[in-house]
Amino acid sequence: MYQRTVLVLFTFLFSLMAHAAVDLNSASSSELESVNGIGPSKAAAIVDYRSKNGAFKSVDDLDKVPGFGSVTMEKVRKELTVGASKAVAAKPEKIVKEVKK
């Protein structure tokens, strides 16, 4: 029973990480490509724009990047962020310790 509980907890934690927003200011091209609607050319355009113009102040700044129109913006907006996410996932070690109690 204990192993099953731990397995369920780890599966839940990893599923949360899989749905985490991608940070426009720190993501690599391959990380940007993981966003539905951003392929290799758009990811390269984001990285190029960021290196020439500095950090994005908001996700809305993405419309300044060549190749991003309103349709693409609406498609990718929910999967992107700028800066650190406000929600921080609990560390797996802490959850395992709590389950043991």
PDB file of N, CA and C in Angstrom:
ATOM      1  N   MET A   1       0.824  -1.194   0.000  1.00  0.00           N
ATOM      2  CA  MET A   1       0.000   0.000   0.000  1.00  0.00           C
ATOM      3  C   MET A   1       0.868   1.258   0.000  1.00  0.00           C
ATOM      4  N   TYR A   2       1.927   1.219   0.798  1.00  0.00           N
ATOM      5  CA  TYR A   2       2.833   2.366   0.895  1.00  0.00           C
ATOM      6  C   TYR A   2       3.460   2.681  -0.466  1.00  0.00           C
ATOM      7  N   GLN A   3       3.914   1.650  -1.171  1.00  0.00           N
ATOM      8  CA  GLN A   3       4.551   1.867  -2.475  1.00  0.00           C
ATOM      9  C   GLN A   3       3.557   2.456  -3.473  1.00  0.00           C
ATOM     10  N   ARG A   4       2.356   2.009  -3.409  1.00  0.00           N
ATOM     11  CA  ARG A   4       1.329   2.519  -4.324  1.00  0.00           C
ATOM     12  C   ARG A   4       1.063   4.004  -4.051  1.00  0.00           C
ATOM     13  N   THR A   5       1.016   4.388  -2.777  1.00  0.00           N
ATOM     14  CA  THR A   5       0.787   5.786  -2.408  1.00  0.00           C
ATOM     15  C   THR A   5       1.918   6.667  -2.915  1.00  0.00           C
ATOM     16  N   VAL A   6       3.146   6.207  -2.721  1.00  0.00           N
ATOM     17  CA  VAL A   6       4.310   6.969  -3.185  1.00  0.00           C
ATOM     18  C   VAL A   6       4.290   7.084  -4.705  1.00  0.00           C
ATOM     19  N   LEU A   7       3.968   6.006  -5.382  1.00  0.00           N
ATOM     20  CA  LEU A   7       3.902   6.023  -6.844  1.00  0.00           C
ATOM     21  C   LEU A   7       2.849   7.015  -7.331  1.00  0.00           C
ATOM     22  N   VAL A   8       1.706   7.031  -6.702  1.00  0.00           N
ATOM     23  CA  VAL A   8       0.645   7.966  -7.084  1.00  0.00           C
ATOM     24  C   VAL A   8       1.098   9.407  -6.865  1.00  0.00           C
ATOM     25  N   LEU A   9       1.763   9.659  -5.743  1.00  0.00           N
ATOM     26  CA  LEU A   9       2.240  11.014  -5.460  1.00  0.00           C
ATOM     27  C   LEU A   9       3.268  11.476  -6.482  1.00  0.00           C
ATOM     28  N   PHE A  10       4.223  10.619  -6.800  1.00  0.00           N
ATOM     29  CA  PHE A  10       5.236  10.995  -7.787  1.00  0.00           C
ATOM     30  C   PHE A  10       4.621  11.209  -9.164  1.00  0.00           C
ATOM     31  N   THR A  11       3.686  10.372  -9.537  1.00  0.00           N
ATOM     32  CA  THR A  11       3.011  10.539 -10.826  1.00  0.00           C
ATOM     33  C   THR A  11       2.275  11.872 -10.876  1.00  0.00           C
ATOM     34  N   PHE A  12       1.621  12.216  -9.792  1.00  0.00           N
ATOM     35  CA  PHE A  12       0.910  13.493  -9.712  1.00  0.00           C
ATOM     36  C   PHE A  12       1.877  14.664  -9.835  1.00  0.00           C
ATOM     37  N   LEU A  13       2.999  14.599  -9.118  1.00  0.00           N
ATOM     38  CA  LEU A  13       3.980  15.688  -9.172  1.00  0.00           C
ATOM     39  C   LEU A  13       4.553  15.863 -10.571  1.00  0.00           C
ATOM     40  N   PHE A  14       4.886  14.769 -11.218  1.00  0.00           N
ATOM     41  CA  PHE A  14       5.458  14.872 -12.557  1.00  0.00           C
ATOM     42  C   PHE A  14       4.433  15.359 -13.573  1.00  0.00           C
ATOM     43  N   SER A  15       3.170  15.030 -13.367  1.00  0.00           N
ATOM     44  CA  SER A  15       2.152  15.544 -14.286  1.00  0.00           C
ATOM     45  C   SER A  15       1.987  17.049 -14.114  1.00  0.00           C
ATOM     46  N   LEU A  16       2.153  17.551 -12.892  1.00  0.00           N
ATOM     47  CA  LEU A  16       2.110  18.998 -12.678  1.00  0.00           C
ATOM     48  C   LEU A  16       3.260  19.686 -13.388  1.00  0.00           C
ATOM     49  N   MET A  17       4.437  19.091 -13.326  1.00  0.00           N
ATOM     50  CA  MET A  17       5.602  19.681 -13.983  1.00  0.00           C
ATOM     51  C   MET A  17       5.443  19.682 -15.497  1.00  0.00           C
ATOM     52  N   ALA A  18       4.775  18.689 -16.025  1.00  0.00           N
ATOM     53  CA  ALA A  18       4.593  18.604 -17.472  1.00  0.00           C
ATOM     54  C   ALA A  18       3.703  19.723 -17.992  1.00  0.00           C
ATOM     55  N   HIS A  19       2.847  20.261 -17.141  1.00  0.00           N
ATOM     56  CA  HIS A  19       1.946  21.325 -17.551  1.00  0.00           C
ATOM     57  C   HIS A  19       2.422  22.706 -17.116  1.00  0.00           C
ATOM     58  N   ALA A  20       3.660  22.786 -16.662  1.00  0.00           N
ATOM     59  CA  ALA A  20       4.197  24.067 -16.210  1.00  0.00           C
ATOM     60  C   ALA A  20       4.376  24.999 -17.399  1.00  0.00           C
ATOM     61  N   ALA A  21       4.162  26.275 -17.168  1.00  0.00           N
ATOM     62  CA  ALA A  21       4.328  27.267 -18.221  1.00  0.00           C
ATOM     63  C   ALA A  21       5.806  27.429 -18.556  1.00  0.00           C
ATOM     64  N   VAL A  22       6.093  27.725 -19.797  1.00  0.00           N
ATOM     65  CA  VAL A  22       7.457  27.929 -20.280  1.00  0.00           C
ATOM     66  C   VAL A  22       7.796  29.412 -20.157  1.00  0.00           C
ATOM     67  N   ASP A  23       8.935  29.707 -19.550  1.00  0.00           N
ATOM     68  CA  ASP A  23       9.371  31.086 -19.331  1.00  0.00           C
ATOM     69  C   ASP A  23      10.036  31.624 -20.600  1.00  0.00           C
ATOM     70  N   LEU A  24       9.463  32.669 -21.167  1.00  0.00           N
ATOM     71  CA  LEU A  24      10.008  33.273 -22.390  1.00  0.00           C
ATOM     72  C   LEU A  24      11.428  33.796 -22.206  1.00  0.00           C
ATOM     73  N   ASN A  25      11.789  34.195 -20.997  1.00  0.00           N
ATOM     74  CA  ASN A  25      13.095  34.807 -20.770  1.00  0.00           C
ATOM     75  C   ASN A  25      14.211  33.815 -20.478  1.00  0.00           C
ATOM     76  N   SER A  26      13.885  32.581 -20.179  1.00  0.00           N
ATOM     77  CA  SER A  26      14.943  31.628 -19.853  1.00  0.00           C
ATOM     78  C   SER A  26      14.895  30.342 -20.669  1.00  0.00           C
ATOM     79  N   ALA A  27      13.837  30.127 -21.413  1.00  0.00           N
ATOM     80  CA  ALA A  27      13.672  28.875 -22.149  1.00  0.00           C
ATOM     81  C   ALA A  27      14.613  28.783 -23.342  1.00  0.00           C
ATOM     82  N   SER A  28      15.101  27.573 -23.561  1.00  0.00           N
ATOM     83  CA  SER A  28      15.908  27.296 -24.749  1.00  0.00           C
ATOM     84  C   SER A  28      14.967  27.104 -25.939  1.00  0.00           C
ATOM     85  N   SER A  29      15.546  26.999 -27.120  1.00  0.00           N
ATOM     86  CA  SER A  29      14.727  26.763 -28.317  1.00  0.00           C
ATOM     87  C   SER A  29      13.920  25.479 -28.184  1.00  0.00           C
ATOM     88  N   SER A  30      14.561  24.417 -27.688  1.00  0.00           N
ATOM     89  CA  SER A  30      13.848  23.141 -27.569  1.00  0.00           C
ATOM     90  C   SER A  30      12.728  23.219 -26.536  1.00  0.00           C
ATOM     91  N   GLU A  31      12.929  23.973 -25.461  1.00  0.00           N
ATOM     92  CA  GLU A  31      11.858  24.154 -24.475  1.00  0.00           C
ATOM     93  C   GLU A  31      10.704  24.948 -25.077  1.00  0.00           C
ATOM     94  N   LEU A  32      11.015  25.954 -25.855  1.00  0.00           N
ATOM     95  CA  LEU A  32       9.967  26.740 -26.509  1.00  0.00           C
ATOM     96  C   LEU A  32       9.189  25.892 -27.504  1.00  0.00           C
ATOM     97  N   GLU A  33       9.875  24.978 -28.174  1.00  0.00           N
ATOM     98  CA  GLU A  33       9.219  24.103 -29.146  1.00  0.00           C
ATOM     99  C   GLU A  33       8.240  23.143 -28.489  1.00  0.00           C
ATOM    100  N   SER A  34       8.349  22.942 -27.185  1.00  0.00           N
ATOM    101  CA  SER A  34       7.414  22.058 -26.485  1.00  0.00           C
ATOM    102  C   SER A  34       6.027  22.687 -26.357  1.00  0.00           C
ATOM    103  N   VAL A  35       5.933  23.979 -26.623  1.00  0.00           N
ATOM    104  CA  VAL A  35       4.650  24.689 -26.569  1.00  0.00           C
ATOM    105  C   VAL A  35       3.901  24.448 -27.875  1.00  0.00           C
ATOM    106  N   ASN A  36       2.658  24.025 -27.760  1.00  0.00           N
ATOM    107  CA  ASN A  36       1.836  23.782 -28.940  1.00  0.00           C
ATOM    108  C   ASN A  36       1.646  25.086 -29.712  1.00  0.00           C
ATOM    109  N   GLY A  37       2.090  25.119 -30.962  1.00  0.00           N
ATOM    110  CA  GLY A  37       1.982  26.323 -31.784  1.00  0.00           C
ATOM    111  C   GLY A  37       3.319  26.999 -32.031  1.00  0.00           C
ATOM    112  N   ILE A  38       4.376  26.530 -31.341  1.00  0.00           N
ATOM    113  CA  ILE A  38       5.719  27.080 -31.563  1.00  0.00           C
ATOM    114  C   ILE A  38       6.600  25.970 -32.114  1.00  0.00           C
ATOM    115  N   GLY A  39       7.021  26.165 -33.352  1.00  0.00           N
ATOM    116  CA  GLY A  39       7.921  25.219 -33.996  1.00  0.00           C
ATOM    117  C   GLY A  39       9.344  25.747 -33.968  1.00  0.00           C
ATOM    118  N   PRO A  40      10.249  25.079 -34.686  1.00  0.00           N
ATOM    119  CA  PRO A  40      11.661  25.483 -34.680  1.00  0.00           C
ATOM    120  C   PRO A  40      11.900  26.919 -35.139  1.00  0.00           C
ATOM    121  N   SER A  41      11.206  27.370 -36.178  1.00  0.00           N
ATOM    122  CA  SER A  41      11.459  28.724 -36.687  1.00  0.00           C
ATOM    123  C   SER A  41      10.948  29.793 -35.717  1.00  0.00           C
ATOM    124  N   LYS A  42       9.795  29.568 -35.109  1.00  0.00           N
ATOM    125  CA  LYS A  42       9.272  30.544 -34.145  1.00  0.00           C
ATOM    126  C   LYS A  42      10.103  30.540 -32.863  1.00  0.00           C
ATOM    127  N   ALA A  43      10.558  29.372 -32.442  1.00  0.00           N
ATOM    128  CA  ALA A  43      11.415  29.293 -31.255  1.00  0.00           C
ATOM    129  C   ALA A  43      12.716  30.050 -31.500  1.00  0.00           C
ATOM    130  N   ALA A  44      13.297  29.872 -32.680  1.00  0.00           N
ATOM    131  CA  ALA A  44      14.533  30.589 -33.023  1.00  0.00           C
ATOM    132  C   ALA A  44      14.288  32.093 -33.074  1.00  0.00           C
ATOM    133  N   ALA A  45      13.128  32.498 -33.580  1.00  0.00           N
ATOM    134  CA  ALA A  45      12.797  33.925 -33.645  1.00  0.00           C
ATOM    135  C   ALA A  45      12.669  34.521 -32.244  1.00  0.00           C
ATOM    136  N   ILE A  46      12.104  33.766 -31.312  1.00  0.00           N
ATOM    137  CA  ILE A  46      11.977  34.241 -29.926  1.00  0.00           C
ATOM    138  C   ILE A  46      13.356  34.419 -29.303  1.00  0.00           C
ATOM    139  N   VAL A  47      14.209  33.416 -29.450  1.00  0.00           N
ATOM    140  CA  VAL A  47      15.557  33.481 -28.872  1.00  0.00           C
ATOM    141  C   VAL A  47      16.348  34.622 -29.500  1.00  0.00           C
ATOM    142  N   ASP A  48      16.229  34.794 -30.814  1.00  0.00           N
ATOM    143  CA  ASP A  48      16.932  35.876 -31.513  1.00  0.00           C
ATOM    144  C   ASP A  48      16.438  37.245 -31.032  1.00  0.00           C
ATOM    145  N   TYR A  49      15.125  37.404 -30.940  1.00  0.00           N
ATOM    146  CA  TYR A  49      14.550  38.670 -30.464  1.00  0.00           C
ATOM    147  C   TYR A  49      15.021  38.966 -29.040  1.00  0.00           C
ATOM    148  N   ARG A  50      15.011  37.953 -28.200  1.00  0.00           N
ATOM    149  CA  ARG A  50      15.417  38.111 -26.804  1.00  0.00           C
ATOM    150  C   ARG A  50      16.885  38.511 -26.695  1.00  0.00           C
ATOM    151  N   SER A  51      17.742  37.929 -27.533  1.00  0.00           N
ATOM    152  CA  SER A  51      19.173  38.269 -27.471  1.00  0.00           C
ATOM    153  C   SER A  51      19.444  39.684 -27.977  1.00  0.00           C
ATOM    154  N   LYS A  52      18.644  40.173 -28.915  1.00  0.00           N
ATOM    155  CA  LYS A  52      18.838  41.520 -29.460  1.00  0.00           C
ATOM    156  C   LYS A  52      18.154  42.611 -28.637  1.00  0.00           C
ATOM    157  N   ASN A  53      17.019  42.288 -28.013  1.00  0.00           N
ATOM    158  CA  ASN A  53      16.199  43.307 -27.346  1.00  0.00           C
ATOM    159  C   ASN A  53      16.099  43.166 -25.834  1.00  0.00           C
ATOM    160  N   GLY A  54      16.663  42.120 -25.290  1.00  0.00           N
ATOM    161  CA  GLY A  54      16.582  41.911 -23.847  1.00  0.00           C
ATOM    162  C   GLY A  54      15.344  41.126 -23.455  1.00  0.00           C
ATOM    163  N   ALA A  55      15.125  41.053 -22.165  1.00  0.00           N
ATOM    164  CA  ALA A  55      14.050  40.231 -21.608  1.00  0.00           C
ATOM    165  C   ALA A  55      12.664  40.749 -21.986  1.00  0.00           C
ATOM    166  N   PHE A  56      11.753  39.807 -22.093  1.00  0.00           N
ATOM    167  CA  PHE A  56      10.345  40.142 -22.302  1.00  0.00           C
ATOM    168  C   PHE A  56       9.781  40.659 -20.981  1.00  0.00           C
ATOM    169  N   LYS A  57       8.980  41.697 -21.041  1.00  0.00           N
ATOM    170  CA  LYS A  57       8.346  42.235 -19.833  1.00  0.00           C
ATOM    171  C   LYS A  57       7.003  41.563 -19.571  1.00  0.00           C
ATOM    172  N   SER A  58       6.364  41.102 -20.644  1.00  0.00           N
ATOM    173  CA  SER A  58       5.106  40.367 -20.512  1.00  0.00           C
ATOM    174  C   SER A  58       4.963  39.440 -21.714  1.00  0.00           C
ATOM    175  N   VAL A  59       4.061  38.500 -21.602  1.00  0.00           N
ATOM    176  CA  VAL A  59       3.805  37.580 -22.711  1.00  0.00           C
ATOM    177  C   VAL A  59       3.301  38.352 -23.922  1.00  0.00           C
ATOM    178  N   ASP A  60       2.618  39.472 -23.697  1.00  0.00           N
ATOM    179  CA  ASP A  60       2.107  40.289 -24.800  1.00  0.00           C
ATOM    180  C   ASP A  60       3.222  40.859 -25.674  1.00  0.00           C
ATOM    181  N   ASP A  61       4.443  40.973 -25.132  1.00  0.00           N
ATOM    182  CA  ASP A  61       5.578  41.448 -25.929  1.00  0.00           C
ATOM    183  C   ASP A  61       5.914  40.497 -27.067  1.00  0.00           C
ATOM    184  N   LEU A  62       5.414  39.285 -26.998  1.00  0.00           N
ATOM    185  CA  LEU A  62       5.678  38.294 -28.035  1.00  0.00           C
ATOM    186  C   LEU A  62       5.148  38.747 -29.390  1.00  0.00           C
ATOM    187  N   ASP A  63       4.159  39.639 -29.400  1.00  0.00           N
ATOM    188  CA  ASP A  63       3.631  40.115 -30.684  1.00  0.00           C
ATOM    189  C   ASP A  63       4.632  40.986 -31.436  1.00  0.00           C
ATOM    190  N   LYS A  64       5.728  41.373 -30.787  1.00  0.00           N
ATOM    191  CA  LYS A  64       6.794  42.131 -31.449  1.00  0.00           C
ATOM    192  C   LYS A  64       7.753  41.217 -32.203  1.00  0.00           C
ATOM    193  N   VAL A  65       7.671  39.921 -31.941  1.00  0.00           N
ATOM    194  CA  VAL A  65       8.547  38.942 -32.589  1.00  0.00           C
ATOM    195  C   VAL A  65       7.977  38.614 -33.964  1.00  0.00           C
ATOM    196  N   PRO A  66       8.804  38.678 -35.010  1.00  0.00           N
ATOM    197  CA  PRO A  66       8.322  38.342 -36.354  1.00  0.00           C
ATOM    198  C   PRO A  66       7.711  36.937 -36.396  1.00  0.00           C
ATOM    199  N   GLY A  67       6.540  36.838 -37.011  1.00  0.00           N
ATOM    200  CA  GLY A  67       5.880  35.548 -37.148  1.00  0.00           C
ATOM    201  C   GLY A  67       4.786  35.294 -36.126  1.00  0.00           C
ATOM    202  N   PHE A  68       4.613  36.221 -35.186  1.00  0.00           N
ATOM    203  CA  PHE A  68       3.577  36.046 -34.166  1.00  0.00           C
ATOM    204  C   PHE A  68       2.456  37.047 -34.391  1.00  0.00           C
ATOM    205  N   GLY A  69       1.308  36.510 -34.777  1.00  0.00           N
ATOM    206  CA  GLY A  69       0.123  37.337 -34.946  1.00  0.00           C
ATOM    207  C   GLY A  69      -0.876  37.027 -33.850  1.00  0.00           C
ATOM    208  N   SER A  70      -2.057  37.578 -33.975  1.00  0.00           N
ATOM    209  CA  SER A  70      -3.072  37.417 -32.932  1.00  0.00           C
ATOM    210  C   SER A  70      -3.527  35.965 -32.772  1.00  0.00           C
ATOM    211  N   VAL A  71      -3.595  35.226 -33.873  1.00  0.00           N
ATOM    212  CA  VAL A  71      -4.034  33.829 -33.799  1.00  0.00           C
ATOM    213  C   VAL A  71      -3.024  32.995 -33.017  1.00  0.00           C
ATOM    214  N   THR A  72      -1.752  33.148 -33.356  1.00  0.00           N
ATOM    215  CA  THR A  72      -0.708  32.406 -32.649  1.00  0.00           C
ATOM    216  C   THR A  72      -0.638  32.830 -31.190  1.00  0.00           C
ATOM    217  N   MET A  73      -0.760  34.127 -30.938  1.00  0.00           N
ATOM    218  CA  MET A  73      -0.702  34.631 -29.562  1.00  0.00           C
ATOM    219  C   MET A  73      -1.779  33.979 -28.694  1.00  0.00           C
ATOM    220  N   GLU A  74      -2.992  33.901 -29.197  1.00  0.00           N
ATOM    221  CA  GLU A  74      -4.073  33.291 -28.418  1.00  0.00           C
ATOM    222  C   GLU A  74      -3.824  31.806 -28.191  1.00  0.00           C
ATOM    223  N   LYS A  75      -3.183  31.167 -29.155  1.00  0.00           N
ATOM    224  CA  LYS A  75      -2.915  29.734 -29.060  1.00  0.00           C
ATOM    225  C   LYS A  75      -1.856  29.420 -28.007  1.00  0.00           C
ATOM    226  N   VAL A  76      -0.842  30.266 -27.885  1.00  0.00           N
ATOM    227  CA  VAL A  76       0.299  29.970 -27.011  1.00  0.00           C
ATOM    228  C   VAL A  76       0.268  30.701 -25.673  1.00  0.00           C
ATOM    229  N   ARG A  77      -0.547  31.697 -25.538  1.00  0.00           N
ATOM    230  CA  ARG A  77      -0.545  32.566 -24.345  1.00  0.00           C
ATOM    231  C   ARG A  77      -0.631  31.792 -23.027  1.00  0.00           C
ATOM    232  N   LYS A  78      -1.498  30.802 -22.940  1.00  0.00           N
ATOM    233  CA  LYS A  78      -1.711  30.076 -21.682  1.00  0.00           C
ATOM    234  C   LYS A  78      -0.525  29.199 -21.292  1.00  0.00           C
ATOM    235  N   GLU A  79       0.329  28.885 -22.254  1.00  0.00           N
ATOM    236  CA  GLU A  79       1.456  27.995 -21.976  1.00  0.00           C
ATOM    237  C   GLU A  79       2.757  28.744 -21.723  1.00  0.00           C
ATOM    238  N   LEU A  80       2.715  30.067 -21.742  1.00  0.00           N
ATOM    239  CA  LEU A  80       3.927  30.869 -21.574  1.00  0.00           C
ATOM    240  C   LEU A  80       3.830  31.766 -20.352  1.00  0.00           C
ATOM    241  N   THR A  81       4.991  32.116 -19.828  1.00  0.00           N
ATOM    242  CA  THR A  81       5.075  33.040 -18.712  1.00  0.00           C
ATOM    243  C   THR A  81       6.339  33.874 -18.868  1.00  0.00           C
ATOM    244  N   VAL A  82       6.427  34.924 -18.078  1.00  0.00           N
ATOM    245  CA  VAL A  82       7.622  35.762 -18.049  1.00  0.00           C
ATOM    246  C   VAL A  82       8.061  35.844 -16.595  1.00  0.00           C
ATOM    247  N   GLY A  83       9.255  35.403 -16.315  1.00  0.00           N
ATOM    248  CA  GLY A  83       9.738  35.403 -14.939  1.00  0.00           C
ATOM    249  C   GLY A  83       9.328  34.145 -14.216  1.00  0.00           C
ATOM    250  N   ALA A  84       9.627  34.110 -12.939  1.00  0.00           N
ATOM    251  CA  ALA A  84       9.343  32.927 -12.131  1.00  0.00           C
ATOM    252  C   ALA A  84       7.846  32.758 -11.932  1.00  0.00           C
ATOM    253  N   SER A  85       7.431  31.523 -11.931  1.00  0.00           N
ATOM    254  CA  SER A  85       6.027  31.212 -11.687  1.00  0.00           C
ATOM    255  C   SER A  85       5.702  31.468 -10.222  1.00  0.00           C
ATOM    256  N   LYS A  86       4.502  31.936  -9.956  1.00  0.00           N
ATOM    257  CA  LYS A  86       4.088  32.207  -8.579  1.00  0.00           C
ATOM    258  C   LYS A  86       3.836  30.920  -7.810  1.00  0.00           C
ATOM    259  N   ALA A  87       3.364  29.900  -8.500  1.00  0.00           N
ATOM    260  CA  ALA A  87       3.091  28.629  -7.836  1.00  0.00           C
ATOM    261  C   ALA A  87       4.353  27.779  -7.825  1.00  0.00           C
ATOM    262  N   VAL A  88       4.706  27.289  -6.657  1.00  0.00           N
ATOM    263  CA  VAL A  88       5.887  26.443  -6.527  1.00  0.00           C
ATOM    264  C   VAL A  88       5.427  25.078  -6.053  1.00  0.00           C
ATOM    265  N   ALA A  89       5.833  24.047  -6.768  1.00  0.00           N
ATOM    266  CA  ALA A  89       5.449  22.692  -6.398  1.00  0.00           C
ATOM    267  C   ALA A  89       6.204  22.258  -5.148  1.00  0.00           C
ATOM    268  N   ALA A  90       5.563  21.450  -4.334  1.00  0.00           N
ATOM    269  CA  ALA A  90       6.214  20.924  -3.144  1.00  0.00           C
ATOM    270  C   ALA A  90       7.319  19.963  -3.552  1.00  0.00           C
ATOM    271  N   LYS A  91       8.350  19.880  -2.740  1.00  0.00           N
ATOM    272  CA  LYS A  91       9.452  18.971  -3.034  1.00  0.00           C
ATOM    273  C   LYS A  91       9.000  17.541  -2.765  1.00  0.00           C
ATOM    274  N   PRO A  92       9.351  16.591  -3.648  1.00  0.00           N
ATOM    275  CA  PRO A  92       8.930  15.200  -3.467  1.00  0.00           C
ATOM    276  C   PRO A  92       9.381  14.614  -2.134  1.00  0.00           C
ATOM    277  N   GLU A  93      10.584  14.988  -1.641  1.00  0.00           N
ATOM    278  CA  GLU A  93      11.081  14.432  -0.387  1.00  0.00           C
ATOM    279  C   GLU A  93      10.131  14.760   0.762  1.00  0.00           C
ATOM    280  N   LYS A  94       9.617  15.975   0.774  1.00  0.00           N
ATOM    281  CA  LYS A  94       8.719  16.405   1.845  1.00  0.00           C
ATOM    282  C   LYS A  94       7.426  15.593   1.819  1.00  0.00           C
ATOM    283  N   ILE A  95       6.908  15.335   0.661  1.00  0.00           N
ATOM    284  CA  ILE A  95       5.669  14.570   0.539  1.00  0.00           C
ATOM    285  C   ILE A  95       5.883  13.140   1.000  1.00  0.00           C
ATOM    286  N   VAL A  96       7.012  12.550   0.618  1.00  0.00           N
ATOM    287  CA  VAL A  96       7.303  11.176   1.023  1.00  0.00           C
ATOM    288  C   VAL A  96       7.418  11.095   2.538  1.00  0.00           C
ATOM    289  N   LYS A  97       8.067  12.071   3.168  1.00  0.00           N
ATOM    290  CA  LYS A  97       8.198  12.078   4.626  1.00  0.00           C
ATOM    291  C   LYS A  97       6.829  12.182   5.288  1.00  0.00           C
ATOM    292  N   GLU A  98       5.951  12.990   4.718  1.00  0.00           N
ATOM    293  CA  GLU A  98       4.617  13.143   5.284  1.00  0.00           C
ATOM    294  C   GLU A  98       3.806  11.864   5.143  1.00  0.00           C
ATOM    295  N   VAL A  99       4.004  11.133   4.068  1.00  0.00           N
ATOM    296  CA  VAL A  99       3.288   9.880   3.861  1.00  0.00           C
ATOM    297  C   VAL A  99       3.754   8.844   4.876  1.00  0.00           C
ATOM    298  N   LYS A 100       5.047   8.855   5.209  1.00  0.00           N
ATOM    299  CA  LYS A 100       5.591   7.892   6.164  1.00  0.00           C
ATOM    300  C   LYS A 100       5.007   8.082   7.555  1.00  0.00           C
ATOM    301  N   LYS A 101       4.666   9.304   7.910  1.00  0.00           N
ATOM    302  CA  LYS A 101       4.134   9.576   9.257  1.00  0.00           C
ATOM    303  C   LYS A 101       2.833   8.933   9.418  1.00  0.00           C
TER     304      LYS A 101
END
